[in-house]
Amino acid sequence: MSVLLDEAQLQIADEAQRLVSAHYSGERLKGYLLERGAFDRELWERFGAQGWTAICYPEAFGGLDLGLLELGLVAEACGGAVTGVAALTSSFAMGQSLLYFGSEEQKADWLPQLAAGSVIGVVAFAEGQDMLPRAPRLRLEAGRLSGSKPAVVAGGIADGAVVLALGADGPVLALVDLSQRGVSRTLLDTFDNSRCTADLVFDDVEAHELPGSIDALAAARAILRLQAVIIGFEQVGGAQKMLTTARDYALTRRAFGQPIGAFQSVKHRIAEDYVLVELARANAIHAASRSGESDFGLYAAAARISATEAYDGVSRDAVQVHGGIGVTWEADLHLHQRRARTLAVEAGPLIFWEDEVITELQGAAQ
């Protein structure tokens, strides 16, 4: 299927590139790497002012009633700049959980705020190394939530969360306000502290089940697929930036009287990286175009896998092309290396998405 961006989508992509280029830099991100819980709230407010936080919500809730592709184009620009804002994808995931499975009251309370960017949301569906377990660490009994969720991305700055918990009749999705007493957070010291990852602990706090999530595991999986596509676009943006940086350096850095890009070991590697980036971009765009279709799960997983492999591979190669200077603090290549490794495990590691592809293909074959 051929997917061509229309004029409005091209304008969104251009404006996103312009804004992050004008208001963001590697030096700015470095400040957030050294401090746990540091959050670029100024940039987040710009996202809200631009309407980016409202892209995937209906107009009835203050949204722009656009789709995955439009938000993906914004995420791609953010990935290229390695912005210190994890909330774009985390708030999107919480908002989609409420939009698809929440009650009318839950939607009315939270979606306008999420669309405006005045609150930050997260989803917590993972239990350590296992995704979507059958026995979650959280228990929901009579509207009270107890337990913990480990390593929640943006958990250190979020205002609300949709969590997978164990209810009286099995797994459920539940909405919880993180500002109430009984909720505690432990910020984790990671190699990308700008993601504000934290362990969340709930001590008998009020929570409300999402009534539309009759099959909670399937619902959580559906939200993870949506989130994976947006993260895939962010990874594509980072991979493209690293590809361009490596190419430009190879054309200017000289050795033995010629640019290092003239050597086969360098130019072949850059050519292979170009293929990885373009495949990842095509997969992300195609997955976004299949949102709402029966085969969306397959293409979302494929997009996630190819984007992870592209960002990981290209960022490593870019460092190697630069040689010794590539591993210095000043070169900024480590910013993408950090982000590539971080995004590789957010919303599920590769093995989870590879299993998703297998499951989808087996279902289609039956």
Protein backbone atom coordinates (compact mmCIF):
# COMPACT_ATOMS: atom_id res chain seq x y z
CA MET A 1 0.00 0.00 0.00
CA SER A 2 1.35 3.42 -0.99
CA VAL A 3 0.86 6.18 1.60
CA LEU A 4 1.61 9.74 0.52
CA LEU A 5 1.51 12.63 2.96
CA ASP A 6 -1.02 15.32 2.09
CA GLU A 7 -0.36 19.05 2.32
CA ALA A 8 -1.67 19.37 5.88
CA GLN A 9 0.50 16.48 7.08
CA LEU A 10 3.57 17.96 5.41
CA GLN A 11 2.87 21.24 7.18
CA ILE A 12 2.65 19.45 10.53
CA ALA A 13 5.98 17.73 9.86
CA ASP A 14 7.68 20.97 8.77
CA GLU A 15 6.35 22.94 11.75
CA ALA A 16 7.43 20.22 14.15
CA GLN A 17 10.92 20.20 12.70
CA ARG A 18 11.08 23.99 12.87
CA LEU A 19 9.94 24.21 16.49
CA VAL A 20 12.23 21.55 17.93
CA SER A 21 15.19 22.92 15.95
CA ALA A 22 14.53 26.44 17.23
CA HIS A 23 13.92 25.54 20.87
CA TYR A 24 16.01 22.48 21.55
CA SER A 25 19.64 21.38 21.54
CA GLY A 26 21.93 18.70 22.82
CA GLU A 27 23.26 21.04 25.48
CA ARG A 28 19.75 21.47 26.85
CA LEU A 29 19.19 17.74 27.11
CA LYS A 30 22.48 17.15 28.91
CA GLY A 31 21.15 19.05 31.90
CA TYR A 32 18.30 16.58 32.26
CA LEU A 33 20.57 13.55 32.00
CA LEU A 34 22.32 14.37 35.25
CA GLU A 35 19.31 14.98 37.49
CA ARG A 36 16.63 12.44 38.32
CA GLY A 37 13.10 13.73 37.76
CA ALA A 38 14.18 16.77 35.74
CA PHE A 39 11.54 17.59 33.14
CA ASP A 40 11.54 20.15 30.32
CA ARG A 41 8.19 21.66 31.26
CA GLU A 42 8.76 24.69 29.05
CA LEU A 43 9.01 22.50 25.95
CA TRP A 44 5.98 20.49 27.07
CA GLU A 45 3.97 23.71 27.32
CA ARG A 46 5.03 24.57 23.78
CA PHE A 47 3.74 21.17 22.66
CA GLY A 48 0.38 22.02 24.20
CA ALA A 49 0.32 25.50 22.65
CA GLN A 50 1.02 23.97 19.23
CA GLY A 51 -1.88 21.55 19.67
CA TRP A 52 0.36 18.50 19.45
CA THR A 53 -1.01 17.05 22.68
CA ALA A 54 -4.52 17.30 21.19
CA ILE A 55 -3.85 15.56 17.87
CA CYS A 56 -5.50 12.19 18.53
CA TYR A 57 -8.54 13.33 20.51
CA PRO A 58 -12.07 14.12 19.26
CA GLU A 59 -13.10 17.76 19.00
CA ALA A 60 -15.68 17.16 21.74
CA PHE A 61 -12.80 16.85 24.21
CA GLY A 62 -10.75 19.75 22.85
CA GLY A 63 -8.85 17.65 20.35
CA LEU A 64 -7.97 18.09 16.69
CA ASP A 65 -9.55 14.78 15.63
CA LEU A 66 -6.48 13.70 13.67
CA GLY A 67 -4.77 10.30 13.63
CA LEU A 68 -1.69 8.24 14.36
CA LEU A 69 0.18 9.48 11.30
CA GLU A 70 -0.06 13.14 12.30
CA LEU A 71 1.13 12.47 15.85
CA GLY A 72 3.81 10.19 14.44
CA LEU A 73 5.22 13.02 12.34
CA VAL A 74 5.55 15.14 15.48
CA ALA A 75 7.19 12.22 17.33
CA GLU A 76 9.63 11.80 14.44
CA ALA A 77 10.74 15.41 14.78
CA CYS A 78 11.13 14.97 18.54
CA GLY A 79 13.20 11.85 17.98
CA GLY A 80 15.58 13.68 15.69
CA ALA A 81 16.17 16.35 18.32
CA VAL A 82 16.29 13.86 21.25
CA THR A 83 13.90 16.04 23.22
CA GLY A 84 13.68 15.60 26.97
CA VAL A 85 9.91 15.01 26.97
CA ALA A 86 8.71 11.45 27.53
CA ALA A 87 5.15 12.62 28.14
CA LEU A 88 4.15 12.84 24.47
CA THR A 89 3.82 9.07 24.09
CA SER A 90 2.89 8.29 27.70
CA SER A 91 0.00 10.79 27.81
CA PHE A 92 -1.14 9.59 24.40
CA ALA A 93 -1.32 6.00 25.67
CA MET A 94 -3.36 6.96 28.73
CA GLY A 95 -5.68 9.10 26.63
CA GLN A 96 -6.30 6.30 24.16
CA SER A 97 -7.03 3.92 27.04
CA LEU A 98 -9.75 6.25 28.30
CA LEU A 99 -11.04 7.03 24.82
CA TYR A 100 -11.52 3.38 23.93
CA PHE A 101 -12.39 1.84 27.29
CA GLY A 102 -13.28 4.59 29.77
CA SER A 103 -16.68 5.68 31.01
CA GLU A 104 -18.23 8.94 29.83
CA GLU A 105 -17.44 10.48 33.20
CA GLN A 106 -13.80 9.38 33.04
CA LYS A 107 -13.48 10.78 29.53
CA ALA A 108 -15.04 14.10 30.52
CA ASP A 109 -12.75 14.43 33.54
CA TRP A 110 -9.43 13.54 31.92
CA LEU A 111 -9.48 13.83 28.12
CA PRO A 112 -9.80 17.65 27.90
CA GLN A 113 -6.87 18.01 30.28
CA LEU A 114 -4.76 15.47 28.39
CA ALA A 115 -5.61 17.17 25.09
CA ALA A 116 -4.56 20.55 26.48
CA GLY A 117 -1.37 19.13 27.95
CA SER A 118 -2.31 20.47 31.39
CA VAL A 119 -1.89 17.01 32.90
CA ILE A 120 0.52 14.19 32.12
CA GLY A 121 -0.59 10.58 31.91
CA VAL A 122 1.08 7.17 31.87
CA VAL A 123 0.12 3.55 31.39
CA ALA A 124 1.58 0.76 33.52
CA PHE A 125 0.98 -2.62 31.93
CA ALA A 126 4.40 -4.26 32.36
CA GLU A 127 5.71 -6.38 35.23
CA GLY A 128 9.50 -6.38 35.10
CA GLN A 129 10.60 -8.48 32.14
CA ASP A 130 7.15 -9.96 31.47
CA MET A 131 4.58 -8.03 29.47
CA LEU A 132 0.88 -8.33 30.26
CA PRO A 133 1.09 -11.01 32.94
CA ARG A 134 -1.83 -13.07 34.13
CA ALA A 135 -1.16 -12.16 37.76
CA PRO A 136 -0.41 -8.43 37.99
CA ARG A 137 1.38 -7.02 41.01
CA LEU A 138 -1.54 -4.67 41.67
CA ARG A 139 -4.81 -5.70 43.28
CA LEU A 140 -8.06 -3.77 42.92
CA GLU A 141 -10.64 -4.59 45.57
CA ALA A 142 -13.81 -2.56 46.21
CA GLY A 143 -12.36 0.45 44.40
CA ARG A 144 -9.09 0.42 46.36
CA LEU A 145 -5.74 -0.23 44.70
CA SER A 146 -2.68 -1.74 46.39
CA GLY A 147 0.66 -2.94 45.06
CA SER A 148 3.43 -1.64 42.85
CA LYS A 149 4.46 -1.03 39.27
CA PRO A 150 8.17 -1.05 38.39
CA ALA A 151 10.01 1.26 36.00
CA VAL A 152 7.08 3.31 34.67
CA VAL A 153 8.26 5.73 31.98
CA ALA A 154 7.29 9.32 32.95
CA GLY A 155 6.01 7.91 36.23
CA GLY A 156 8.03 10.50 38.13
CA ILE A 157 6.09 13.42 36.63
CA ALA A 158 2.67 11.95 35.78
CA ASP A 159 -0.63 13.18 37.20
CA GLY A 160 -2.68 10.10 36.34
CA ALA A 161 -2.24 6.50 35.25
CA VAL A 162 -4.10 3.62 33.70
CA VAL A 163 -2.80 0.41 35.25
CA LEU A 164 -3.28 -3.30 34.76
CA ALA A 165 -4.43 -4.82 38.04
CA LEU A 166 -5.97 -8.00 39.36
CA GLY A 167 -9.63 -7.56 40.24
CA ALA A 168 -12.14 -9.90 41.83
CA ASP A 169 -12.88 -11.64 38.51
CA GLY A 170 -9.47 -11.39 36.87
CA PRO A 171 -7.27 -8.71 35.26
CA VAL A 172 -8.77 -5.23 34.87
CA LEU A 173 -7.66 -1.82 33.67
CA ALA A 174 -8.03 0.85 36.32
CA LEU A 175 -7.72 4.63 36.38
CA VAL A 176 -5.87 6.16 39.31
CA ASP A 177 -5.14 9.77 40.25
CA LEU A 178 -1.46 9.90 41.22
CA SER A 179 -1.83 13.08 43.29
CA GLN A 180 -3.68 11.35 46.15
CA ARG A 181 -2.13 10.28 49.42
CA GLY A 182 -0.97 6.70 49.42
CA VAL A 183 0.80 6.98 46.07
CA SER A 184 4.59 7.05 46.33
CA ARG A 185 7.25 7.23 43.63
CA THR A 186 10.89 6.24 43.58
CA LEU A 187 12.78 7.85 40.73
CA LEU A 188 15.28 5.54 39.06
CA ASP A 189 18.77 6.64 38.10
CA THR A 190 19.07 5.61 34.45
CA PHE A 191 21.38 6.52 31.60
CA ASP A 192 18.52 8.64 30.18
CA ASN A 193 17.10 10.42 33.21
CA SER A 194 15.07 12.73 30.96
CA ARG A 195 12.51 9.89 30.69
CA CYS A 196 11.68 10.38 34.42
CA THR A 197 11.26 6.63 34.97
CA ALA A 198 9.99 5.71 38.43
CA ASP A 199 8.68 2.83 40.49
CA LEU A 200 5.08 3.50 41.58
CA VAL A 201 3.67 2.13 44.83
CA PHE A 202 -0.02 2.25 45.71
CA ASP A 203 -1.08 1.87 49.34
CA ASP A 204 -4.85 1.37 49.44
CA VAL A 205 -5.65 4.29 47.11
CA GLU A 206 -8.86 5.06 45.24
CA ALA A 207 -9.04 3.68 41.69
CA HIS A 208 -11.79 3.12 39.16
CA GLU A 209 -12.10 0.30 36.68
CA LEU A 210 -12.40 1.17 32.99
CA PRO A 211 -15.81 -0.34 32.17
CA GLY A 212 -15.11 -0.88 28.48
CA SER A 213 -12.11 -3.14 29.05
CA ILE A 214 -14.00 -6.42 29.48
CA ASP A 215 -10.92 -8.35 28.35
CA ALA A 216 -8.23 -6.31 30.13
CA LEU A 217 -5.26 -8.14 28.61
CA ALA A 218 -6.56 -7.62 25.06
CA ALA A 219 -7.32 -3.98 25.84
CA ALA A 220 -3.83 -3.39 27.24
CA ARG A 221 -2.33 -5.05 24.18
CA ALA A 222 -4.36 -2.77 21.89
CA ILE A 223 -3.06 0.33 23.69
CA LEU A 224 0.53 -0.92 23.58
CA ARG A 225 0.21 -1.36 19.82
CA LEU A 226 -0.89 2.24 19.39
CA GLN A 227 1.91 3.46 21.63
CA ALA A 228 4.46 1.29 19.81
CA VAL A 229 3.71 2.98 16.49
CA ILE A 230 4.30 6.45 17.94
CA ILE A 231 7.52 5.30 19.62
CA GLY A 232 8.49 3.78 16.25
CA PHE A 233 8.19 7.20 14.61
CA GLU A 234 10.36 8.68 17.37
CA GLN A 235 12.96 6.01 16.73
CA VAL A 236 12.86 6.73 12.99
CA GLY A 237 13.53 10.41 13.68
CA GLY A 238 16.54 9.56 15.82
CA ALA A 239 17.88 7.05 13.30
CA GLN A 240 17.54 9.59 10.47
CA LYS A 241 19.45 12.19 12.46
CA MET A 242 22.27 9.75 13.20
CA LEU A 243 22.39 8.66 9.56
CA THR A 244 22.69 12.26 8.38
CA THR A 245 25.32 13.05 11.01
CA ALA A 246 27.44 10.03 10.05
CA ARG A 247 27.13 10.80 6.34
CA ASP A 248 28.14 14.46 6.75
CA TYR A 249 31.13 13.54 8.91
CA ALA A 250 32.26 10.90 6.43
CA LEU A 251 32.21 13.50 3.65
CA THR A 252 34.32 16.04 5.57
CA ARG A 253 36.72 13.99 7.71
CA ARG A 254 39.81 13.14 5.69
CA ALA A 255 42.36 10.35 6.09
CA PHE A 256 45.19 9.32 3.76
CA GLY A 257 44.39 12.28 1.53
CA GLN A 258 40.68 11.58 0.93
CA PRO A 259 37.33 11.73 2.75
CA ILE A 260 36.77 8.64 4.90
CA GLY A 261 33.46 8.20 3.09
CA ALA A 262 35.47 7.03 0.08
CA PHE A 263 36.51 3.88 1.92
CA GLN A 264 34.27 0.86 1.33
CA SER A 265 34.04 -0.05 5.01
CA VAL A 266 32.48 3.36 5.73
CA LYS A 267 30.32 4.02 2.68
CA HIS A 268 28.87 0.50 2.62
CA ARG A 269 27.92 0.79 6.28
CA ILE A 270 26.21 4.13 5.69
CA ALA A 271 24.38 2.70 2.68
CA GLU A 272 23.14 -0.22 4.76
CA ASP A 273 22.00 2.16 7.48
CA TYR A 274 20.07 4.16 4.89
CA VAL A 275 18.14 1.03 3.98
CA LEU A 276 17.37 0.35 7.66
CA VAL A 277 16.02 3.87 8.15
CA GLU A 278 13.85 3.87 5.04
CA LEU A 279 12.39 0.45 5.85
CA ALA A 280 11.59 1.59 9.38
CA ARG A 281 9.97 4.79 8.12
CA ALA A 282 7.86 2.89 5.58
CA ASN A 283 6.76 0.40 8.22
CA ALA A 284 5.80 3.16 10.67
CA ILE A 285 3.76 5.05 8.07
CA HIS A 286 2.06 1.88 6.88
CA ALA A 287 1.22 0.81 10.43
CA ALA A 288 -0.30 4.23 11.16
CA SER A 289 -2.41 3.96 8.01
CA ARG A 290 -3.80 0.59 9.17
CA SER A 291 -5.06 1.86 12.54
CA GLY A 292 -8.51 0.44 13.22
CA GLU A 293 -8.10 -2.43 10.75
CA SER A 294 -7.98 -6.10 11.65
CA ASP A 295 -4.32 -6.42 10.65
CA PHE A 296 -3.14 -3.39 12.64
CA GLY A 297 -1.50 -5.55 15.31
CA LEU A 298 0.79 -7.22 12.79
CA TYR A 299 1.93 -3.98 11.19
CA ALA A 300 2.33 -2.20 14.55
CA ALA A 301 4.64 -4.98 15.73
CA ALA A 302 6.59 -4.93 12.46
CA ALA A 303 7.00 -1.16 12.71
CA ARG A 304 8.21 -1.43 16.28
CA ILE A 305 10.76 -4.12 15.43
CA SER A 306 12.21 -2.41 12.38
CA ALA A 307 12.38 1.00 14.09
CA THR A 308 14.19 -0.48 17.10
CA GLU A 309 16.71 -2.26 14.91
CA ALA A 310 17.24 0.87 12.79
CA TYR A 311 17.83 3.24 15.71
CA ASP A 312 20.05 0.80 17.57
CA GLY A 313 22.12 -0.06 14.51
CA VAL A 314 22.49 3.42 13.02
CA SER A 315 23.36 5.08 16.34
CA ARG A 316 26.11 2.51 16.97
CA ASP A 317 27.46 2.89 13.44
CA ALA A 318 27.45 6.69 13.68
CA VAL A 319 29.62 6.52 16.78
CA GLN A 320 32.02 4.15 15.03
CA VAL A 321 32.24 6.32 11.90
CA HIS A 322 33.23 9.27 14.10
CA GLY A 323 36.00 7.30 15.77
CA GLY A 324 37.37 8.60 19.06
CA ILE A 325 35.44 11.86 19.02
CA GLY A 326 32.20 9.88 18.73
CA VAL A 327 32.39 8.72 22.34
CA THR A 328 33.02 12.15 23.87
CA TRP A 329 30.45 14.10 25.90
CA GLU A 330 30.76 17.06 23.51
CA ALA A 331 29.92 15.14 20.33
CA ASP A 332 26.28 14.54 21.38
CA LEU A 333 26.21 11.14 19.69
CA HIS A 334 25.85 9.52 23.10
CA LEU A 335 22.51 11.31 23.47
CA HIS A 336 21.08 9.22 20.65
CA GLN A 337 22.83 6.08 21.85
CA ARG A 338 21.19 6.54 25.25
CA ARG A 339 17.78 7.22 23.73
CA ALA A 340 18.04 4.31 21.30
CA ARG A 341 18.65 1.89 24.17
CA THR A 342 15.91 3.45 26.29
CA LEU A 343 13.25 3.36 23.56
CA ALA A 344 14.22 -0.22 22.75
CA VAL A 345 12.62 -1.39 26.01
CA GLU A 346 9.78 1.11 26.42
CA ALA A 347 6.36 -0.38 25.63
CA GLY A 348 7.93 -3.82 25.53
CA PRO A 349 11.29 -5.23 24.40
CA LEU A 350 11.93 -6.75 20.98
CA ILE A 351 11.13 -10.29 22.09
CA PHE A 352 7.60 -9.21 23.04
CA TRP A 353 6.96 -7.67 19.62
CA GLU A 354 8.53 -10.59 17.79
CA ASP A 355 6.09 -12.85 19.63
CA GLU A 356 3.30 -10.50 18.54
CA VAL A 357 4.26 -10.95 14.89
CA ILE A 358 4.29 -14.72 15.28
CA THR A 359 0.91 -14.71 17.02
CA GLU A 360 -0.64 -12.50 14.34
CA LEU A 361 0.73 -14.62 11.50
CA GLN A 362 -0.47 -17.82 13.14
CA GLY A 363 -3.92 -16.30 13.54
CA ALA A 364 -4.01 -15.26 9.91
CA ALA A 365 -2.98 -18.76 8.80
CA GLN A 366 -5.78 -20.49 10.66
